Amino acid sequence: MSKLTLLGTGTCQIEFERRASSVLLELEQTYILFDCGHGVLQRLLEAGVRHNQIQHVVLSHFHPDHVSDLIPLMQAGAWSRRDPRTSDLHIYGPAGVHDLLNYFMDAFRPTSFTQPTYKIEVHEIREGAYTIAGKPVEFMSLPPAGNHGLRFEWNGKRYAITGDSSFHEQEIAFLRDVDLAIIDSGHPEDSEIVELAAASQAQHIVCSHLYREIDAAKLQKLAMQKGYRGEISVGYDLRSFEL
């Protein structure tokens, strides 16, 4: 079975009901985290996945609410007496990802995060086609944070996930005609989410990375008035979609 699970739909705000940004992809037996913000490792357990099953972590950009649980993920893999890591961990990110991991290693010492039985492989990615565990994916840099959105096809459908972003032509192009889009909805205004839906015609837009409450029914009505033919909904932690 393959599915997508929203582990964290929040932001840097500390909230009871939302953890920071993270999406879990289960593509057959491959586990991929898109972002790894604070609190999401606890959500991972609630989703029924152990930390040492994560083989790939994609970082959209380096804001703390997107990367902070990377530290306990690596430490648990090296030193947890329950479910220690035995397989390599691949970390992907835009320019600067090597510097980020080197900083962590220098600050905490490499022995905090590694064991001889596996390696941590760091991959700097740029825009365009890429392969994760033999599965083709596509990255696009999305202003203003300079982060990477992730887009992929699975079982004949198209999916797209963004980190921090806003309403602009690159975002429209990234989401155009996808079947399911998980978007940053904390930074764009409601009117911009409506315009994004109408312009991209993404079949289902899930609003995540939320600083504020969003009235999905209201946005749906306004978007339909502009010719949108899909669905807008609000994400919540542990909401999942079969792929």
C-alpha atoms as a PDB file:
ATOM      1  CA  MET A   1       0.000   0.000   0.000  1.00  0.00           C
ATOM      2  CA  SER A   2       1.127   3.546  -0.743  1.00  0.00           C
ATOM      3  CA  LYS A   3      -0.114   6.673   0.975  1.00  0.00           C
ATOM      4  CA  LEU A   4       0.637  10.267   1.888  1.00  0.00           C
ATOM      5  CA  THR A   5       0.234  11.393   5.511  1.00  0.00           C
ATOM      6  CA  LEU A   6       0.342  14.923   6.880  1.00  0.00           C
ATOM      7  CA  LEU A   7       2.505  14.565   9.971  1.00  0.00           C
ATOM      8  CA  GLY A   8       2.637  18.272  10.764  1.00  0.00           C
ATOM      9  CA  THR A   9       0.391  21.008   9.382  1.00  0.00           C
ATOM     10  CA  GLY A  10       1.575  23.852  11.611  1.00  0.00           C
ATOM     11  CA  THR A  11       4.346  26.420  11.652  1.00  0.00           C
ATOM     12  CA  CYS A  12       6.795  27.929  14.136  1.00  0.00           C
ATOM     13  CA  GLN A  13       3.796  28.549  16.417  1.00  0.00           C
ATOM     14  CA  ILE A  14       3.684  26.099  19.317  1.00  0.00           C
ATOM     15  CA  GLU A  15       0.241  24.521  19.240  1.00  0.00           C
ATOM     16  CA  PHE A  16      -1.395  21.533  20.871  1.00  0.00           C
ATOM     17  CA  GLU A  17      -3.242  20.357  17.765  1.00  0.00           C
ATOM     18  CA  ARG A  18      -0.586  20.989  15.090  1.00  0.00           C
ATOM     19  CA  ARG A  19       3.076  20.069  14.840  1.00  0.00           C
ATOM     20  CA  ALA A  20       5.430  21.860  12.470  1.00  0.00           C
ATOM     21  CA  SER A  21       5.802  21.071   8.786  1.00  0.00           C
ATOM     22  CA  SER A  22       6.197  17.508   7.560  1.00  0.00           C
ATOM     23  CA  VAL A  23       4.645  15.121   5.049  1.00  0.00           C
ATOM     24  CA  LEU A  24       5.277  11.366   5.066  1.00  0.00           C
ATOM     25  CA  LEU A  25       5.302   9.482   1.768  1.00  0.00           C
ATOM     26  CA  GLU A  26       4.973   5.716   1.883  1.00  0.00           C
ATOM     27  CA  LEU A  27       5.696   4.527  -1.639  1.00  0.00           C
ATOM     28  CA  GLU A  28       5.450   0.754  -1.301  1.00  0.00           C
ATOM     29  CA  GLN A  29       8.347  -0.016   1.068  1.00  0.00           C
ATOM     30  CA  THR A  30      10.117   3.335   0.647  1.00  0.00           C
ATOM     31  CA  TYR A  31       9.572   5.936   3.388  1.00  0.00           C
ATOM     32  CA  ILE A  32      10.263   9.569   2.521  1.00  0.00           C
ATOM     33  CA  LEU A  33       9.854  12.596   4.792  1.00  0.00           C
ATOM     34  CA  PHE A  34       9.264  15.936   3.136  1.00  0.00           C
ATOM     35  CA  ASP A  35      10.487  18.370   5.809  1.00  0.00           C
ATOM     36  CA  CYS A  36      11.048  17.460   9.441  1.00  0.00           C
ATOM     37  CA  GLY A  37       9.826  20.234  11.747  1.00  0.00           C
ATOM     38  CA  HIS A  38       9.449  20.173  15.507  1.00  0.00           C
ATOM     39  CA  GLY A  39       7.226  17.468  16.992  1.00  0.00           C
ATOM     40  CA  VAL A  40       6.806  15.363  13.868  1.00  0.00           C
ATOM     41  CA  LEU A  41       8.751  12.341  15.128  1.00  0.00           C
ATOM     42  CA  GLN A  42       6.013  11.790  17.725  1.00  0.00           C
ATOM     43  CA  ARG A  43       3.464  12.046  14.914  1.00  0.00           C
ATOM     44  CA  LEU A  44       5.495   9.484  12.985  1.00  0.00           C
ATOM     45  CA  LEU A  45       4.946   6.990  15.789  1.00  0.00           C
ATOM     46  CA  GLU A  46       1.232   7.810  15.807  1.00  0.00           C
ATOM     47  CA  ALA A  47       1.189   7.067  12.073  1.00  0.00           C
ATOM     48  CA  GLY A  48       2.617   3.607  12.804  1.00  0.00           C
ATOM     49  CA  VAL A  49       6.100   4.199  11.376  1.00  0.00           C
ATOM     50  CA  ARG A  50       9.331   3.838  13.376  1.00  0.00           C
ATOM     51  CA  HIS A  51      12.064   6.423  13.014  1.00  0.00           C
ATOM     52  CA  ASN A  52      14.556   3.887  11.660  1.00  0.00           C
ATOM     53  CA  GLN A  53      12.217   3.044   8.778  1.00  0.00           C
ATOM     54  CA  ILE A  54      12.748   6.507   7.297  1.00  0.00           C
ATOM     55  CA  GLN A  55      15.245   6.150   4.483  1.00  0.00           C
ATOM     56  CA  HIS A  56      14.995   9.575   2.844  1.00  0.00           C
ATOM     57  CA  VAL A  57      14.441  13.111   4.154  1.00  0.00           C
ATOM     58  CA  VAL A  58      13.796  15.961   1.720  1.00  0.00           C
ATOM     59  CA  LEU A  59      14.281  19.464   3.168  1.00  0.00           C
ATOM     60  CA  SER A  60      12.474  22.196   1.258  1.00  0.00           C
ATOM     61  CA  HIS A  61      14.565  24.910   2.976  1.00  0.00           C
ATOM     62  CA  PHE A  62      16.318  25.487   6.275  1.00  0.00           C
ATOM     63  CA  HIS A  63      13.858  27.369   8.507  1.00  0.00           C
ATOM     64  CA  PRO A  64      13.762  25.698  11.965  1.00  0.00           C
ATOM     65  CA  ASP A  65      10.086  24.726  11.673  1.00  0.00           C
ATOM     66  CA  HIS A  66      11.054  22.600   8.660  1.00  0.00           C
ATOM     67  CA  VAL A  67      14.294  21.002   9.902  1.00  0.00           C
ATOM     68  CA  SER A  68      14.435  20.961  13.727  1.00  0.00           C
ATOM     69  CA  ASP A  69      13.421  17.295  14.238  1.00  0.00           C
ATOM     70  CA  LEU A  70      16.225  16.206  11.953  1.00  0.00           C
ATOM     71  CA  ILE A  71      18.530  16.347  14.996  1.00  0.00           C
ATOM     72  CA  PRO A  72      16.548  13.852  17.154  1.00  0.00           C
ATOM     73  CA  LEU A  73      15.916  11.691  14.070  1.00  0.00           C
ATOM     74  CA  MET A  74      19.651  11.256  13.530  1.00  0.00           C
ATOM     75  CA  GLN A  75      20.446  10.867  17.220  1.00  0.00           C
ATOM     76  CA  ALA A  76      17.744   8.240  17.749  1.00  0.00           C
ATOM     77  CA  GLY A  77      19.060   6.288  14.792  1.00  0.00           C
ATOM     78  CA  ALA A  78      22.536   6.197  16.295  1.00  0.00           C
ATOM     79  CA  TRP A  79      21.831   5.705  19.997  1.00  0.00           C
ATOM     80  CA  SER A  80      18.283   4.540  20.655  1.00  0.00           C
ATOM     81  CA  ARG A  81      18.236   1.084  22.233  1.00  0.00           C
ATOM     82  CA  ARG A  82      14.831   0.536  20.665  1.00  0.00           C
ATOM     83  CA  ASP A  83      14.796   0.400  16.859  1.00  0.00           C
ATOM     84  CA  PRO A  84      18.381   1.527  16.166  1.00  0.00           C
ATOM     85  CA  ARG A  85      19.160   2.399  12.569  1.00  0.00           C
ATOM     86  CA  THR A  86      20.750  -0.253  10.366  1.00  0.00           C
ATOM     87  CA  SER A  87      20.165   1.291   6.906  1.00  0.00           C
ATOM     88  CA  ASP A  88      21.616   4.407   5.281  1.00  0.00           C
ATOM     89  CA  LEU A  89      19.826   7.725   5.716  1.00  0.00           C
ATOM     90  CA  HIS A  90      19.699  10.015   2.675  1.00  0.00           C
ATOM     91  CA  ILE A  91      19.130  13.733   3.224  1.00  0.00           C
ATOM     92  CA  TYR A  92      18.267  15.977   0.284  1.00  0.00           C
ATOM     93  CA  GLY A  93      18.087  19.746   0.181  1.00  0.00           C
ATOM     94  CA  PRO A  94      18.837  22.884  -1.815  1.00  0.00           C
ATOM     95  CA  ALA A  95      22.184  24.662  -1.878  1.00  0.00           C
ATOM     96  CA  GLY A  96      23.562  24.819   1.663  1.00  0.00           C
ATOM     97  CA  VAL A  97      22.385  21.397   2.827  1.00  0.00           C
ATOM     98  CA  HIS A  98      25.984  20.147   3.136  1.00  0.00           C
ATOM     99  CA  ASP A  99      26.821  23.178   5.291  1.00  0.00           C
ATOM    100  CA  LEU A 100      23.775  22.516   7.489  1.00  0.00           C
ATOM    101  CA  LEU A 101      24.722  18.893   8.151  1.00  0.00           C
ATOM    102  CA  ASN A 102      28.366  19.811   8.699  1.00  0.00           C
ATOM    103  CA  TYR A 103      27.246  22.387  11.254  1.00  0.00           C
ATOM    104  CA  PHE A 104      25.193  19.775  13.111  1.00  0.00           C
ATOM    105  CA  MET A 105      28.136  17.370  13.067  1.00  0.00           C
ATOM    106  CA  ASP A 106      30.517  20.027  14.369  1.00  0.00           C
ATOM    107  CA  ALA A 107      28.117  21.233  17.060  1.00  0.00           C
ATOM    108  CA  PHE A 108      27.177  17.791  18.412  1.00  0.00           C
ATOM    109  CA  ARG A 109      30.116  15.699  17.139  1.00  0.00           C
ATOM    110  CA  PRO A 110      29.688  13.058  14.416  1.00  0.00           C
ATOM    111  CA  THR A 111      29.453  10.248  16.987  1.00  0.00           C
ATOM    112  CA  SER A 112      26.102  11.717  18.106  1.00  0.00           C
ATOM    113  CA  PHE A 113      24.526  10.858  14.770  1.00  0.00           C
ATOM    114  CA  THR A 114      26.311   7.927  13.148  1.00  0.00           C
ATOM    115  CA  GLN A 115      27.321   4.331  13.678  1.00  0.00           C
ATOM    116  CA  PRO A 116      29.600   2.073  11.612  1.00  0.00           C
ATOM    117  CA  THR A 117      26.605   0.025  10.435  1.00  0.00           C
ATOM    118  CA  TYR A 118      25.181   2.744   8.168  1.00  0.00           C
ATOM    119  CA  LYS A 119      25.982   6.058   6.481  1.00  0.00           C
ATOM    120  CA  ILE A 120      24.325   9.453   6.279  1.00  0.00           C
ATOM    121  CA  GLU A 121      24.397  10.537   2.643  1.00  0.00           C
ATOM    122  CA  VAL A 122      23.767  14.204   1.848  1.00  0.00           C
ATOM    123  CA  HIS A 123      22.499  15.235  -1.595  1.00  0.00           C
ATOM    124  CA  GLU A 124      22.392  18.820  -2.825  1.00  0.00           C
ATOM    125  CA  ILE A 125      19.569  19.088  -5.331  1.00  0.00           C
ATOM    126  CA  ARG A 126      18.775  21.702  -7.920  1.00  0.00           C
ATOM    127  CA  GLU A 127      15.709  22.257 -10.042  1.00  0.00           C
ATOM    128  CA  GLY A 128      14.542  19.573 -12.409  1.00  0.00           C
ATOM    129  CA  ALA A 129      14.304  15.802 -12.520  1.00  0.00           C
ATOM    130  CA  TYR A 130      15.850  13.661  -9.784  1.00  0.00           C
ATOM    131  CA  THR A 131      15.605  10.101  -8.521  1.00  0.00           C
ATOM    132  CA  ILE A 132      14.917   8.975  -4.947  1.00  0.00           C
ATOM    133  CA  ALA A 133      15.240   5.215  -4.377  1.00  0.00           C
ATOM    134  CA  GLY A 134      14.758   4.648  -8.096  1.00  0.00           C
ATOM    135  CA  LYS A 135      11.568   6.702  -8.138  1.00  0.00           C
ATOM    136  CA  PRO A 136      11.513   9.755 -10.450  1.00  0.00           C
ATOM    137  CA  VAL A 137      10.645  13.065  -8.797  1.00  0.00           C
ATOM    138  CA  GLU A 138      10.894  16.721  -9.784  1.00  0.00           C
ATOM    139  CA  PHE A 139      12.005  19.743  -7.782  1.00  0.00           C
ATOM    140  CA  MET A 140      11.216  23.395  -8.329  1.00  0.00           C
ATOM    141  CA  SER A 141      12.565  26.394  -6.438  1.00  0.00           C
ATOM    142  CA  LEU A 142       9.656  28.455  -5.103  1.00  0.00           C
ATOM    143  CA  PRO A 143      10.077  32.075  -3.918  1.00  0.00           C
ATOM    144  CA  PRO A 144      10.374  33.789  -1.525  1.00  0.00           C
ATOM    145  CA  ALA A 145      12.127  31.274   0.752  1.00  0.00           C
ATOM    146  CA  GLY A 146      14.193  29.727  -2.022  1.00  0.00           C
ATOM    147  CA  ASN A 147      12.814  26.339  -1.045  1.00  0.00           C
ATOM    148  CA  HIS A 148      12.140  23.329  -3.173  1.00  0.00           C
ATOM    149  CA  GLY A 149       8.717  21.975  -3.927  1.00  0.00           C
ATOM    150  CA  LEU A 150       8.469  18.238  -4.651  1.00  0.00           C
ATOM    151  CA  ARG A 151       6.378  16.852  -7.490  1.00  0.00           C
ATOM    152  CA  PHE A 152       5.976  13.215  -8.519  1.00  0.00           C
ATOM    153  CA  GLU A 153       3.683  10.746 -10.266  1.00  0.00           C
ATOM    154  CA  TRP A 154       2.369   7.569  -8.695  1.00  0.00           C
ATOM    155  CA  ASN A 155      -0.108   5.064 -10.115  1.00  0.00           C
ATOM    156  CA  GLY A 156      -0.993   7.416 -12.934  1.00  0.00           C
ATOM    157  CA  LYS A 157      -1.696  10.469 -10.732  1.00  0.00           C
ATOM    158  CA  ARG A 158       0.340  13.597 -10.070  1.00  0.00           C
ATOM    159  CA  TYR A 159       1.203  15.008  -6.653  1.00  0.00           C
ATOM    160  CA  ALA A 160       2.863  18.220  -5.480  1.00  0.00           C
ATOM    161  CA  ILE A 161       4.047  19.428  -2.045  1.00  0.00           C
ATOM    162  CA  THR A 162       5.359  22.871  -1.153  1.00  0.00           C
ATOM    163  CA  GLY A 163       7.208  24.256   1.849  1.00  0.00           C
ATOM    164  CA  ASP A 164       7.093  28.004   2.496  1.00  0.00           C
ATOM    165  CA  SER A 165       5.871  29.807  -0.578  1.00  0.00           C
ATOM    166  CA  SER A 166       3.446  32.408  -1.854  1.00  0.00           C
ATOM    167  CA  PHE A 167       1.269  33.264  -4.844  1.00  0.00           C
ATOM    168  CA  HIS A 168       3.357  33.675  -8.006  1.00  0.00           C
ATOM    169  CA  GLU A 169       3.768  32.239 -11.479  1.00  0.00           C
ATOM    170  CA  GLN A 170       6.231  29.556 -10.348  1.00  0.00           C
ATOM    171  CA  GLU A 171       3.700  28.226  -7.838  1.00  0.00           C
ATOM    172  CA  ILE A 172       0.961  28.146 -10.448  1.00  0.00           C
ATOM    173  CA  ALA A 173       3.212  26.242 -12.848  1.00  0.00           C
ATOM    174  CA  PHE A 174       4.244  23.823 -10.103  1.00  0.00           C
ATOM    175  CA  LEU A 175       0.642  22.966  -9.189  1.00  0.00           C
ATOM    176  CA  ARG A 176      -0.927  23.093 -12.628  1.00  0.00           C
ATOM    177  CA  ASP A 177      -3.269  20.151 -13.224  1.00  0.00           C
ATOM    178  CA  VAL A 178      -1.910  17.959 -10.401  1.00  0.00           C
ATOM    179  CA  ASP A 179      -4.330  15.549  -8.727  1.00  0.00           C
ATOM    180  CA  LEU A 180      -3.371  16.362  -5.117  1.00  0.00           C
ATOM    181  CA  ALA A 181      -1.459  19.421  -3.900  1.00  0.00           C
ATOM    182  CA  ILE A 182      -0.306  20.044  -0.314  1.00  0.00           C
ATOM    183  CA  ILE A 183       0.402  23.771  -0.168  1.00  0.00           C
ATOM    184  CA  ASP A 184       1.763  26.347   2.238  1.00  0.00           C
ATOM    185  CA  SER A 185      -1.353  28.317   3.160  1.00  0.00           C
ATOM    186  CA  GLY A 186       0.075  30.345   6.025  1.00  0.00           C
ATOM    187  CA  HIS A 187       1.827  32.954   3.931  1.00  0.00           C
ATOM    188  CA  PRO A 188      -0.607  33.578   1.003  1.00  0.00           C
ATOM    189  CA  GLU A 189      -3.777  35.558   1.675  1.00  0.00           C
ATOM    190  CA  ASP A 190      -7.158  33.859   1.223  1.00  0.00           C
ATOM    191  CA  SER A 191      -7.660  35.722  -2.056  1.00  0.00           C
ATOM    192  CA  GLU A 192      -4.325  34.409  -3.326  1.00  0.00           C
ATOM    193  CA  ILE A 193      -5.251  30.802  -2.481  1.00  0.00           C
ATOM    194  CA  VAL A 194      -8.430  31.315  -4.502  1.00  0.00           C
ATOM    195  CA  GLU A 195      -6.446  32.706  -7.450  1.00  0.00           C
ATOM    196  CA  LEU A 196      -3.931  29.877  -7.178  1.00  0.00           C
ATOM    197  CA  ALA A 197      -6.701  27.283  -7.319  1.00  0.00           C
ATOM    198  CA  ALA A 198      -8.366  28.888 -10.321  1.00  0.00           C
ATOM    199  CA  ALA A 199      -5.106  29.383 -12.215  1.00  0.00           C
ATOM    200  CA  SER A 200      -3.574  25.961 -11.521  1.00  0.00           C
ATOM    201  CA  GLN A 201      -6.731  23.803 -11.630  1.00  0.00           C
ATOM    202  CA  ALA A 202      -5.123  21.367  -9.196  1.00  0.00           C
ATOM    203  CA  GLN A 203      -7.820  18.754  -8.633  1.00  0.00           C
ATOM    204  CA  HIS A 204      -7.554  18.794  -4.816  1.00  0.00           C
ATOM    205  CA  ILE A 205      -5.718  21.501  -2.862  1.00  0.00           C
ATOM    206  CA  VAL A 206      -5.037  20.763   0.810  1.00  0.00           C
ATOM    207  CA  CYS A 207      -4.170  23.832   2.872  1.00  0.00           C
ATOM    208  CA  SER A 208      -1.307  23.154   5.279  1.00  0.00           C
ATOM    209  CA  HIS A 209       1.428  25.109   7.135  1.00  0.00           C
ATOM    210  CA  LEU A 210      -1.317  27.102   8.839  1.00  0.00           C
ATOM    211  CA  TYR A 211      -0.832  30.233  10.922  1.00  0.00           C
ATOM    212  CA  ARG A 212      -4.562  31.030  10.877  1.00  0.00           C
ATOM    213  CA  GLU A 213      -7.919  29.323  10.598  1.00  0.00           C
ATOM    214  CA  ILE A 214      -9.060  28.853   7.019  1.00  0.00           C
ATOM    215  CA  ASP A 215     -12.679  28.567   5.905  1.00  0.00           C
ATOM    216  CA  ALA A 216     -12.336  25.984   3.135  1.00  0.00           C
ATOM    217  CA  ALA A 217     -16.008  26.172   2.142  1.00  0.00           C
ATOM    218  CA  LYS A 218     -15.738  29.913   1.609  1.00  0.00           C
ATOM    219  CA  LEU A 219     -12.567  29.560  -0.453  1.00  0.00           C
ATOM    220  CA  GLN A 220     -14.171  26.757  -2.452  1.00  0.00           C
ATOM    221  CA  LYS A 221     -17.153  28.953  -3.331  1.00  0.00           C
ATOM    222  CA  LEU A 222     -14.997  31.908  -4.336  1.00  0.00           C
ATOM    223  CA  ALA A 223     -12.695  29.698  -6.426  1.00  0.00           C
ATOM    224  CA  MET A 224     -15.628  28.084  -8.238  1.00  0.00           C
ATOM    225  CA  GLN A 225     -16.880  31.542  -9.146  1.00  0.00           C
ATOM    226  CA  LYS A 226     -13.546  32.020 -10.908  1.00  0.00           C
ATOM    227  CA  GLY A 227     -13.867  28.742 -12.802  1.00  0.00           C
ATOM    228  CA  TYR A 228     -12.138  26.334 -10.412  1.00  0.00           C
ATOM    229  CA  ARG A 229     -13.352  22.763 -10.896  1.00  0.00           C
ATOM    230  CA  GLY A 230     -11.553  21.030  -8.046  1.00  0.00           C
ATOM    231  CA  GLU A 231     -11.712  20.823  -4.249  1.00  0.00           C
ATOM    232  CA  ILE A 232     -10.132  22.927  -1.499  1.00  0.00           C
ATOM    233  CA  SER A 233      -9.829  21.456   1.994  1.00  0.00           C
ATOM    234  CA  VAL A 234      -7.929  22.125   5.222  1.00  0.00           C
ATOM    235  CA  GLY A 235      -5.226  19.730   6.352  1.00  0.00           C
ATOM    236  CA  TYR A 236      -4.803  18.448   9.884  1.00  0.00           C
ATOM    237  CA  ASP A 237      -2.111  16.342  11.540  1.00  0.00           C
ATOM    238  CA  LEU A 238      -2.287  12.635  10.618  1.00  0.00           C
ATOM    239  CA  ARG A 239      -4.733  13.160   7.774  1.00  0.00           C
ATOM    240  CA  SER A 240      -3.789  10.649   5.075  1.00  0.00           C
ATOM    241  CA  PHE A 241      -4.509   9.942   1.418  1.00  0.00           C
ATOM    242  CA  GLU A 242      -4.109   6.647  -0.393  1.00  0.00           C
ATOM    243  CA  LEU A 243      -1.963   6.982  -3.502  1.00  0.00           C
END
